[in-house]
């Protein structure tokens, strides 16, 4: 079984769109800190999987094809420009609190583990929202929250920004 780092998309992989959605590839801003974290994870023998809630599909703002096109472009840029690869990118298209894949539910992480033979107990979930941390915790992963807030968290580690996250990833993986 393989170890993995699960990365939330908006705010960790790319610049967060705030309250809205990234509706086209032209609006997707890959964060250089993510590229460095991915490079570190891969160098340390970890697979990497992107996981993202994308209720914009259920709301009719975007189609599943449009979300998947953004993910294909992300995979292409990582491979062609940075010689890096994500094992998979999963997303929840639903806008339903009872959905089993929408974070904070662990469904996307469990599905990735099933598909790719991942050892969740040896894996990490990195996100910028408490729902990311809860999904990781529910899946049995260790967790890192990227947030300058001081509210209580279930995360194993909290860092205030991506620069601190990059340094932490170097230490804990």
N, C-alpha and C. Protein backbone atom coordinates (compact mmCIF):
# COMPACT_ATOMS: atom_id res chain seq x y z
N UNK A 1 0.86 -1.19 0.00
CA UNK A 1 0.00 0.00 0.00
C UNK A 1 0.90 1.24 0.00
N UNK A 2 0.44 2.24 -0.71
CA UNK A 2 1.22 3.46 -0.89
C UNK A 2 0.73 4.58 0.01
N UNK A 3 1.65 5.45 0.37
CA UNK A 3 1.33 6.65 1.14
C UNK A 3 0.95 7.76 0.18
N UNK A 4 0.15 8.70 0.69
CA UNK A 4 -0.36 9.77 -0.17
C UNK A 4 -0.50 11.07 0.62
N UNK A 5 -0.35 12.18 -0.09
CA UNK A 5 -0.75 13.48 0.44
C UNK A 5 -1.94 13.93 -0.39
N UNK A 6 -3.05 14.16 0.28
CA UNK A 6 -4.25 14.69 -0.36
C UNK A 6 -4.20 16.21 -0.23
N UNK A 7 -4.36 16.91 -1.33
CA UNK A 7 -4.34 18.36 -1.33
C UNK A 7 -5.71 18.89 -1.73
N UNK A 8 -6.27 19.76 -0.89
CA UNK A 8 -7.46 20.51 -1.30
C UNK A 8 -7.05 21.38 -2.48
N UNK A 9 -7.96 21.66 -3.37
CA UNK A 9 -7.61 22.42 -4.57
C UNK A 9 -7.55 23.92 -4.30
N UNK A 10 -8.70 24.57 -4.22
CA UNK A 10 -8.74 26.03 -4.14
C UNK A 10 -8.15 26.52 -2.82
N UNK A 11 -7.08 27.29 -2.91
CA UNK A 11 -6.41 27.83 -1.73
C UNK A 11 -5.12 27.10 -1.39
N UNK A 12 -4.94 25.87 -1.89
CA UNK A 12 -3.72 25.11 -1.65
C UNK A 12 -3.00 24.86 -2.98
N UNK A 13 -3.71 24.33 -3.96
CA UNK A 13 -3.12 24.07 -5.28
C UNK A 13 -3.09 25.35 -6.11
N UNK A 14 -4.16 26.09 -6.04
CA UNK A 14 -4.29 27.32 -6.83
C UNK A 14 -4.83 28.45 -5.95
N UNK A 15 -4.66 29.66 -6.42
CA UNK A 15 -5.18 30.81 -5.69
C UNK A 15 -6.69 30.66 -5.54
N UNK A 16 -7.17 30.86 -4.34
CA UNK A 16 -8.59 30.72 -4.05
C UNK A 16 -9.41 31.77 -4.80
N UNK A 17 -10.54 31.38 -5.35
CA UNK A 17 -11.41 32.35 -6.00
C UNK A 17 -12.26 33.14 -5.02
N UNK A 18 -12.08 32.91 -3.73
CA UNK A 18 -12.91 33.58 -2.73
C UNK A 18 -14.27 32.91 -2.66
N UNK A 19 -15.32 33.70 -2.68
CA UNK A 19 -16.68 33.15 -2.56
C UNK A 19 -17.18 32.53 -3.86
N UNK A 20 -16.51 32.78 -4.96
CA UNK A 20 -16.98 32.28 -6.26
C UNK A 20 -16.31 30.97 -6.66
N UNK A 21 -16.27 30.75 -7.96
CA UNK A 21 -15.71 29.52 -8.52
C UNK A 21 -14.74 29.87 -9.64
N UNK A 22 -13.78 29.00 -9.84
CA UNK A 22 -12.93 29.11 -11.01
C UNK A 22 -13.69 28.43 -12.14
N UNK A 23 -14.14 29.22 -13.08
CA UNK A 23 -15.04 28.70 -14.12
C UNK A 23 -14.34 28.37 -15.43
N UNK A 24 -13.07 28.78 -15.56
CA UNK A 24 -12.33 28.46 -16.77
C UNK A 24 -10.84 28.39 -16.46
N UNK A 25 -10.10 27.70 -17.30
CA UNK A 25 -8.68 27.51 -17.07
C UNK A 25 -7.94 28.85 -16.99
N UNK A 26 -8.35 29.83 -17.75
CA UNK A 26 -7.69 31.14 -17.74
C UNK A 26 -7.70 31.78 -16.36
N UNK A 27 -8.64 31.39 -15.50
CA UNK A 27 -8.73 31.96 -14.15
C UNK A 27 -7.99 31.13 -13.11
N UNK A 28 -7.42 30.02 -13.51
CA UNK A 28 -6.74 29.10 -12.60
C UNK A 28 -5.30 29.58 -12.42
N UNK A 29 -4.92 29.93 -11.20
CA UNK A 29 -3.56 30.41 -10.91
C UNK A 29 -2.85 29.39 -10.02
N UNK A 30 -2.04 28.54 -10.64
CA UNK A 30 -1.28 27.53 -9.91
C UNK A 30 -0.30 28.22 -8.96
N UNK A 31 -0.29 27.79 -7.71
CA UNK A 31 0.57 28.41 -6.70
C UNK A 31 1.95 27.77 -6.71
N UNK A 32 3.01 28.57 -6.78
CA UNK A 32 4.37 28.00 -6.81
C UNK A 32 4.68 27.20 -5.54
N UNK A 33 4.11 27.59 -4.41
CA UNK A 33 4.33 26.83 -3.18
C UNK A 33 3.77 25.41 -3.30
N UNK A 34 2.65 25.27 -4.01
CA UNK A 34 2.10 23.93 -4.20
C UNK A 34 3.06 23.09 -5.03
N UNK A 35 3.60 23.66 -6.08
CA UNK A 35 4.54 22.92 -6.93
C UNK A 35 5.70 22.41 -6.08
N UNK A 36 6.21 23.25 -5.19
CA UNK A 36 7.32 22.84 -4.32
C UNK A 36 6.88 21.75 -3.35
N UNK A 37 5.68 21.89 -2.77
CA UNK A 37 5.18 20.85 -1.86
C UNK A 37 5.00 19.52 -2.58
N UNK A 38 4.46 19.58 -3.79
CA UNK A 38 4.27 18.37 -4.58
C UNK A 38 5.62 17.72 -4.89
N UNK A 39 6.59 18.53 -5.24
CA UNK A 39 7.94 18.02 -5.52
C UNK A 39 8.49 17.31 -4.27
N UNK A 40 8.32 17.92 -3.10
CA UNK A 40 8.80 17.33 -1.86
C UNK A 40 8.08 16.02 -1.56
N UNK A 41 6.76 16.01 -1.68
CA UNK A 41 5.98 14.80 -1.42
C UNK A 41 6.43 13.66 -2.32
N UNK A 42 6.57 13.93 -3.59
CA UNK A 42 6.97 12.89 -4.54
C UNK A 42 8.40 12.40 -4.24
N UNK A 43 9.29 13.33 -3.92
CA UNK A 43 10.68 12.97 -3.59
C UNK A 43 10.73 12.07 -2.35
N UNK A 44 9.81 12.28 -1.42
CA UNK A 44 9.78 11.49 -0.18
C UNK A 44 8.98 10.20 -0.33
N UNK A 45 8.54 9.89 -1.54
CA UNK A 45 7.86 8.62 -1.80
C UNK A 45 6.36 8.63 -1.61
N UNK A 46 5.76 9.81 -1.53
CA UNK A 46 4.31 9.93 -1.39
C UNK A 46 3.66 10.15 -2.74
N UNK A 47 2.53 9.51 -2.95
CA UNK A 47 1.67 9.86 -4.07
C UNK A 47 0.97 11.17 -3.70
N UNK A 48 0.32 11.79 -4.68
CA UNK A 48 -0.42 13.02 -4.40
C UNK A 48 -1.74 12.99 -5.16
N UNK A 49 -2.81 13.37 -4.46
CA UNK A 49 -4.15 13.38 -5.03
C UNK A 49 -4.80 14.72 -4.68
N UNK A 50 -5.41 15.35 -5.68
CA UNK A 50 -6.19 16.55 -5.44
C UNK A 50 -7.62 16.17 -5.11
N UNK A 51 -8.23 16.87 -4.14
CA UNK A 51 -9.62 16.64 -3.77
C UNK A 51 -10.31 17.99 -3.61
N UNK A 52 -11.51 18.11 -4.17
CA UNK A 52 -12.15 19.42 -4.18
C UNK A 52 -13.66 19.31 -4.19
N UNK A 53 -14.32 20.11 -3.36
CA UNK A 53 -15.76 20.27 -3.46
C UNK A 53 -16.04 21.24 -4.61
N UNK A 54 -16.88 20.86 -5.53
CA UNK A 54 -17.23 21.71 -6.67
C UNK A 54 -18.74 21.72 -6.86
N UNK A 55 -19.43 22.31 -5.88
CA UNK A 55 -20.90 22.36 -5.94
C UNK A 55 -21.39 23.21 -7.10
N UNK A 56 -20.49 23.92 -7.77
CA UNK A 56 -20.86 24.71 -8.94
C UNK A 56 -21.52 23.84 -10.01
N UNK A 57 -21.20 22.56 -10.04
CA UNK A 57 -21.81 21.64 -11.01
C UNK A 57 -23.29 21.45 -10.67
N UNK A 58 -23.58 21.13 -9.42
CA UNK A 58 -24.97 20.93 -8.99
C UNK A 58 -25.79 22.21 -9.12
N UNK A 59 -25.15 23.35 -8.93
CA UNK A 59 -25.84 24.64 -9.02
C UNK A 59 -26.04 25.10 -10.46
N UNK A 60 -25.46 24.38 -11.41
CA UNK A 60 -25.62 24.74 -12.82
C UNK A 60 -24.71 25.88 -13.27
N UNK A 61 -23.75 26.25 -12.47
CA UNK A 61 -22.82 27.31 -12.83
C UNK A 61 -21.78 26.79 -13.82
N UNK A 62 -21.39 25.53 -13.64
CA UNK A 62 -20.41 24.87 -14.51
C UNK A 62 -20.88 23.46 -14.81
N UNK A 63 -20.38 22.92 -15.89
CA UNK A 63 -20.64 21.51 -16.20
C UNK A 63 -19.51 20.66 -15.62
N UNK A 64 -19.77 19.39 -15.46
CA UNK A 64 -18.73 18.47 -15.03
C UNK A 64 -17.59 18.47 -16.04
N UNK A 65 -17.91 18.55 -17.33
CA UNK A 65 -16.87 18.60 -18.36
C UNK A 65 -15.96 19.80 -18.18
N UNK A 66 -16.51 20.96 -17.79
CA UNK A 66 -15.70 22.16 -17.59
C UNK A 66 -14.75 21.98 -16.41
N UNK A 67 -15.23 21.40 -15.31
CA UNK A 67 -14.37 21.14 -14.15
C UNK A 67 -13.27 20.16 -14.53
N UNK A 68 -13.64 19.11 -15.23
CA UNK A 68 -12.66 18.10 -15.64
C UNK A 68 -11.64 18.66 -16.61
N UNK A 69 -12.03 19.60 -17.46
CA UNK A 69 -11.09 20.25 -18.38
C UNK A 69 -10.05 21.04 -17.59
N UNK A 70 -10.48 21.75 -16.55
CA UNK A 70 -9.54 22.47 -15.69
C UNK A 70 -8.56 21.48 -15.06
N UNK A 71 -9.05 20.35 -14.60
CA UNK A 71 -8.19 19.34 -13.98
C UNK A 71 -7.23 18.72 -14.99
N UNK A 72 -7.69 18.49 -16.21
CA UNK A 72 -6.79 17.98 -17.25
C UNK A 72 -5.67 18.99 -17.54
N UNK A 73 -6.03 20.27 -17.60
CA UNK A 73 -5.02 21.29 -17.83
C UNK A 73 -4.03 21.37 -16.67
N UNK A 74 -4.53 21.26 -15.45
CA UNK A 74 -3.64 21.24 -14.29
C UNK A 74 -2.65 20.09 -14.41
N UNK A 75 -3.14 18.90 -14.70
CA UNK A 75 -2.27 17.73 -14.83
C UNK A 75 -1.24 17.94 -15.94
N UNK A 76 -1.67 18.51 -17.04
CA UNK A 76 -0.76 18.76 -18.17
C UNK A 76 0.34 19.74 -17.79
N UNK A 77 -0.04 20.86 -17.15
CA UNK A 77 0.96 21.87 -16.76
C UNK A 77 1.95 21.28 -15.76
N UNK A 78 1.45 20.55 -14.78
CA UNK A 78 2.36 19.94 -13.81
C UNK A 78 3.35 19.02 -14.49
N UNK A 79 2.87 18.21 -15.43
CA UNK A 79 3.74 17.26 -16.09
C UNK A 79 4.70 17.93 -17.07
N UNK A 80 4.17 18.79 -17.93
CA UNK A 80 4.99 19.39 -18.98
C UNK A 80 5.93 20.48 -18.47
N UNK A 81 5.48 21.30 -17.54
CA UNK A 81 6.29 22.43 -17.09
C UNK A 81 7.10 22.15 -15.84
N UNK A 82 6.67 21.17 -15.04
CA UNK A 82 7.33 20.93 -13.76
C UNK A 82 7.80 19.49 -13.59
N UNK A 83 7.51 18.62 -14.56
CA UNK A 83 7.87 17.21 -14.50
C UNK A 83 7.36 16.55 -13.21
N UNK A 84 6.10 16.89 -12.87
CA UNK A 84 5.44 16.35 -11.69
C UNK A 84 4.11 15.75 -12.08
N UNK A 85 3.62 14.86 -11.23
CA UNK A 85 2.37 14.21 -11.55
C UNK A 85 1.51 14.02 -10.31
N UNK A 86 0.22 14.30 -10.46
CA UNK A 86 -0.77 13.91 -9.46
C UNK A 86 -1.27 12.53 -9.82
N UNK A 87 -1.45 11.69 -8.83
CA UNK A 87 -1.98 10.35 -9.07
C UNK A 87 -3.41 10.44 -9.57
N UNK A 88 -4.17 11.40 -9.03
CA UNK A 88 -5.58 11.54 -9.39
C UNK A 88 -6.07 12.89 -8.91
N UNK A 89 -7.17 13.34 -9.47
CA UNK A 89 -7.88 14.52 -8.99
C UNK A 89 -9.34 14.13 -8.89
N UNK A 90 -9.88 14.18 -7.69
CA UNK A 90 -11.28 13.84 -7.48
C UNK A 90 -12.03 15.09 -7.03
N UNK A 91 -13.29 15.17 -7.39
CA UNK A 91 -14.10 16.29 -6.95
C UNK A 91 -15.52 15.82 -6.68
N UNK A 92 -16.17 16.53 -5.79
CA UNK A 92 -17.57 16.28 -5.49
C UNK A 92 -18.39 17.33 -6.22
N UNK A 93 -19.28 16.92 -7.13
CA UNK A 93 -20.09 17.87 -7.88
C UNK A 93 -21.40 18.23 -7.19
N UNK A 94 -21.63 17.68 -6.01
CA UNK A 94 -22.92 17.81 -5.35
C UNK A 94 -23.04 19.06 -4.48
N UNK A 95 -24.26 19.42 -4.18
CA UNK A 95 -24.56 20.53 -3.26
C UNK A 95 -25.53 20.00 -2.22
N UNK A 96 -25.11 18.92 -1.56
CA UNK A 96 -26.00 18.18 -0.69
C UNK A 96 -25.22 17.77 0.55
N UNK A 97 -25.63 18.21 1.70
CA UNK A 97 -24.91 17.92 2.94
C UNK A 97 -24.89 16.41 3.24
N UNK A 98 -25.84 15.65 2.72
CA UNK A 98 -25.86 14.21 2.98
C UNK A 98 -24.98 13.41 2.03
N UNK A 99 -24.43 14.06 1.04
CA UNK A 99 -23.56 13.39 0.07
C UNK A 99 -22.36 12.79 0.80
N UNK A 100 -21.94 11.61 0.42
CA UNK A 100 -20.84 10.93 1.08
C UNK A 100 -19.47 11.35 0.55
N UNK A 101 -19.44 12.10 -0.57
CA UNK A 101 -18.14 12.52 -1.09
C UNK A 101 -17.82 13.98 -0.79
N UNK A 102 -18.82 14.76 -0.44
CA UNK A 102 -18.58 16.19 -0.18
C UNK A 102 -17.90 16.37 1.17
N UNK A 103 -16.71 17.00 1.15
CA UNK A 103 -16.04 17.27 2.41
C UNK A 103 -16.96 18.12 3.28
N UNK A 104 -17.13 17.78 4.54
CA UNK A 104 -16.24 17.04 5.43
C UNK A 104 -16.38 15.51 5.41
N UNK A 105 -17.24 14.97 4.56
CA UNK A 105 -17.29 13.51 4.45
C UNK A 105 -16.00 13.01 3.81
N UNK A 106 -15.57 11.81 4.11
CA UNK A 106 -14.28 11.31 3.62
C UNK A 106 -14.36 10.58 2.28
N UNK A 107 -15.50 10.64 1.61
CA UNK A 107 -15.71 9.82 0.42
C UNK A 107 -14.65 9.92 -0.67
N UNK A 108 -14.17 11.12 -0.98
CA UNK A 108 -13.16 11.25 -2.03
C UNK A 108 -11.86 10.57 -1.63
N UNK A 109 -11.48 10.69 -0.37
CA UNK A 109 -10.24 10.07 0.10
C UNK A 109 -10.38 8.55 0.10
N UNK A 110 -11.54 8.07 0.55
CA UNK A 110 -11.79 6.62 0.56
C UNK A 110 -11.80 6.06 -0.87
N UNK A 111 -12.40 6.81 -1.80
CA UNK A 111 -12.42 6.36 -3.19
C UNK A 111 -11.02 6.32 -3.78
N UNK A 112 -10.22 7.33 -3.51
CA UNK A 112 -8.84 7.34 -4.01
C UNK A 112 -8.06 6.16 -3.44
N UNK A 113 -8.26 5.87 -2.16
CA UNK A 113 -7.58 4.74 -1.53
C UNK A 113 -8.00 3.43 -2.20
N UNK A 114 -9.28 3.30 -2.48
CA UNK A 114 -9.78 2.08 -3.14
C UNK A 114 -9.21 1.95 -4.55
N UNK A 115 -9.25 3.03 -5.30
CA UNK A 115 -8.76 3.00 -6.69
C UNK A 115 -7.27 2.70 -6.81
N UNK A 116 -6.50 3.26 -5.88
CA UNK A 116 -5.05 3.27 -6.06
C UNK A 116 -4.26 2.53 -4.99
N UNK A 117 -4.93 1.81 -4.10
CA UNK A 117 -4.23 1.05 -3.08
C UNK A 117 -3.44 1.93 -2.12
N UNK A 118 -4.09 2.96 -1.60
CA UNK A 118 -3.43 3.91 -0.70
C UNK A 118 -3.64 3.52 0.76
N UNK A 119 -2.62 3.69 1.55
CA UNK A 119 -2.69 3.44 2.99
C UNK A 119 -3.07 4.75 3.67
N UNK A 120 -4.32 4.90 4.05
CA UNK A 120 -4.80 6.15 4.62
C UNK A 120 -4.15 6.47 5.96
N UNK A 121 -3.82 5.47 6.75
CA UNK A 121 -3.19 5.71 8.05
C UNK A 121 -1.78 6.28 7.91
N UNK A 122 -1.16 6.10 6.76
CA UNK A 122 0.18 6.64 6.49
C UNK A 122 0.11 7.86 5.59
N UNK A 123 -1.08 8.41 5.41
CA UNK A 123 -1.29 9.51 4.48
C UNK A 123 -1.64 10.80 5.21
N UNK A 124 -1.66 11.89 4.46
CA UNK A 124 -1.93 13.23 4.98
C UNK A 124 -3.00 13.91 4.16
N UNK A 125 -3.79 14.75 4.82
CA UNK A 125 -4.74 15.65 4.15
C UNK A 125 -4.31 17.07 4.46
N UNK A 126 -4.14 17.89 3.42
CA UNK A 126 -3.74 19.29 3.57
C UNK A 126 -4.87 20.15 3.02
N UNK A 127 -5.36 21.08 3.84
CA UNK A 127 -6.43 21.95 3.38
C UNK A 127 -6.45 23.27 4.12
N UNK A 128 -7.30 24.17 3.64
CA UNK A 128 -7.38 25.50 4.25
C UNK A 128 -8.72 25.74 4.94
N UNK A 129 -9.53 24.70 5.07
CA UNK A 129 -10.82 24.80 5.74
C UNK A 129 -10.94 23.63 6.73
N UNK A 130 -11.68 23.86 7.79
CA UNK A 130 -11.87 22.80 8.78
C UNK A 130 -12.56 21.58 8.15
N UNK A 131 -13.39 21.79 7.13
CA UNK A 131 -14.04 20.63 6.48
C UNK A 131 -13.01 19.72 5.80
N UNK A 132 -11.91 20.29 5.31
CA UNK A 132 -10.83 19.47 4.73
C UNK A 132 -10.20 18.60 5.81
N UNK A 133 -9.97 19.22 6.96
CA UNK A 133 -9.35 18.52 8.08
C UNK A 133 -10.26 17.41 8.58
N UNK A 134 -11.55 17.71 8.68
CA UNK A 134 -12.49 16.69 9.15
C UNK A 134 -12.55 15.51 8.18
N UNK A 135 -12.53 15.78 6.88
CA UNK A 135 -12.52 14.69 5.90
C UNK A 135 -11.28 13.81 6.07
N UNK A 136 -10.14 14.46 6.24
CA UNK A 136 -8.91 13.70 6.46
C UNK A 136 -8.96 12.88 7.73
N UNK A 137 -9.42 13.51 8.79
CA UNK A 137 -9.54 12.83 10.08
C UNK A 137 -10.47 11.63 9.98
N UNK A 138 -11.63 11.82 9.32
CA UNK A 138 -12.61 10.73 9.18
C UNK A 138 -12.06 9.58 8.33
N UNK A 139 -11.15 9.90 7.41
CA UNK A 139 -10.55 8.87 6.56
C UNK A 139 -9.39 8.16 7.26
N UNK A 140 -8.95 8.71 8.39
CA UNK A 140 -7.84 8.11 9.12
C UNK A 140 -6.48 8.68 8.79
N UNK A 141 -6.44 9.82 8.12
CA UNK A 141 -5.18 10.48 7.75
C UNK A 141 -4.72 11.43 8.85
N UNK A 142 -3.45 11.79 8.80
CA UNK A 142 -2.96 12.91 9.58
C UNK A 142 -3.32 14.16 8.79
N UNK A 143 -3.36 15.31 9.46
CA UNK A 143 -3.90 16.50 8.80
C UNK A 143 -3.08 17.75 9.08
N UNK A 144 -3.12 18.66 8.08
CA UNK A 144 -2.48 19.96 8.21
C UNK A 144 -3.46 21.02 7.74
N UNK A 145 -3.74 21.98 8.60
CA UNK A 145 -4.61 23.10 8.27
C UNK A 145 -3.75 24.33 7.96
N UNK A 146 -4.04 24.98 6.84
CA UNK A 146 -3.38 26.23 6.47
C UNK A 146 -4.37 27.34 6.74
N UNK A 147 -4.15 28.05 7.86
CA UNK A 147 -5.07 29.10 8.26
C UNK A 147 -4.41 29.98 9.31
N UNK A 148 -4.52 31.28 9.12
CA UNK A 148 -3.99 32.23 10.10
C UNK A 148 -4.95 32.42 11.28
N UNK A 149 -6.16 31.86 11.17
CA UNK A 149 -7.13 31.97 12.26
C UNK A 149 -6.64 31.21 13.48
N UNK A 150 -7.18 31.56 14.62
CA UNK A 150 -6.79 30.87 15.87
C UNK A 150 -7.92 30.05 16.47
N UNK A 151 -8.97 29.82 15.68
CA UNK A 151 -10.08 29.01 16.16
C UNK A 151 -9.60 27.57 16.38
N UNK A 152 -10.26 26.83 17.27
CA UNK A 152 -9.85 25.44 17.51
C UNK A 152 -9.93 24.61 16.23
N UNK A 153 -9.05 23.63 16.14
CA UNK A 153 -9.01 22.75 14.98
C UNK A 153 -8.73 21.31 15.42
N UNK A 154 -9.16 20.37 14.60
CA UNK A 154 -8.84 18.96 14.81
C UNK A 154 -7.52 18.59 14.16
N UNK A 155 -6.92 19.52 13.41
CA UNK A 155 -5.72 19.23 12.64
C UNK A 155 -4.55 18.82 13.53
N UNK A 156 -3.72 17.94 13.00
CA UNK A 156 -2.49 17.57 13.69
C UNK A 156 -1.51 18.74 13.73
N UNK A 157 -1.51 19.53 12.65
CA UNK A 157 -0.65 20.70 12.56
C UNK A 157 -1.44 21.85 11.96
N UNK A 158 -1.08 23.07 12.35
CA UNK A 158 -1.66 24.27 11.74
C UNK A 158 -0.49 25.19 11.38
N UNK A 159 -0.55 25.71 10.17
CA UNK A 159 0.42 26.72 9.73
C UNK A 159 -0.37 27.92 9.23
N UNK A 160 0.25 29.09 9.28
CA UNK A 160 -0.50 30.30 8.92
C UNK A 160 -0.57 30.56 7.43
N UNK A 161 0.40 30.03 6.65
CA UNK A 161 0.39 30.30 5.21
C UNK A 161 1.14 29.20 4.45
N UNK A 162 1.14 29.31 3.14
CA UNK A 162 1.76 28.27 2.31
C UNK A 162 3.28 28.22 2.48
N UNK A 163 3.90 29.32 2.80
CA UNK A 163 5.35 29.32 3.03
C UNK A 163 5.67 28.44 4.24
N UNK A 164 4.90 28.61 5.32
CA UNK A 164 5.09 27.76 6.50
C UNK A 164 4.73 26.30 6.19
N UNK A 165 3.73 26.11 5.36
CA UNK A 165 3.33 24.75 4.99
C UNK A 165 4.46 24.04 4.25
N UNK A 166 5.10 24.73 3.32
CA UNK A 166 6.21 24.14 2.57
C UNK A 166 7.31 23.67 3.53
N UNK A 167 7.65 24.49 4.52
CA UNK A 167 8.67 24.12 5.49
C UNK A 167 8.22 22.93 6.34
N UNK A 168 6.95 22.92 6.74
CA UNK A 168 6.42 21.81 7.54
C UNK A 168 6.44 20.50 6.74
N UNK A 169 6.01 20.56 5.51
CA UNK A 169 6.02 19.37 4.64
C UNK A 169 7.44 18.78 4.57
N UNK A 170 8.42 19.65 4.45
CA UNK A 170 9.82 19.19 4.42
C UNK A 170 10.17 18.43 5.69
N UNK A 171 9.64 18.85 6.83
CA UNK A 171 9.97 18.23 8.11
C UNK A 171 9.19 16.96 8.41
N UNK A 172 7.89 16.93 8.07
CA UNK A 172 7.06 15.82 8.56
C UNK A 172 6.91 14.65 7.59
N UNK A 173 7.18 14.84 6.33
CA UNK A 173 7.04 13.71 5.39
C UNK A 173 8.28 12.83 5.42
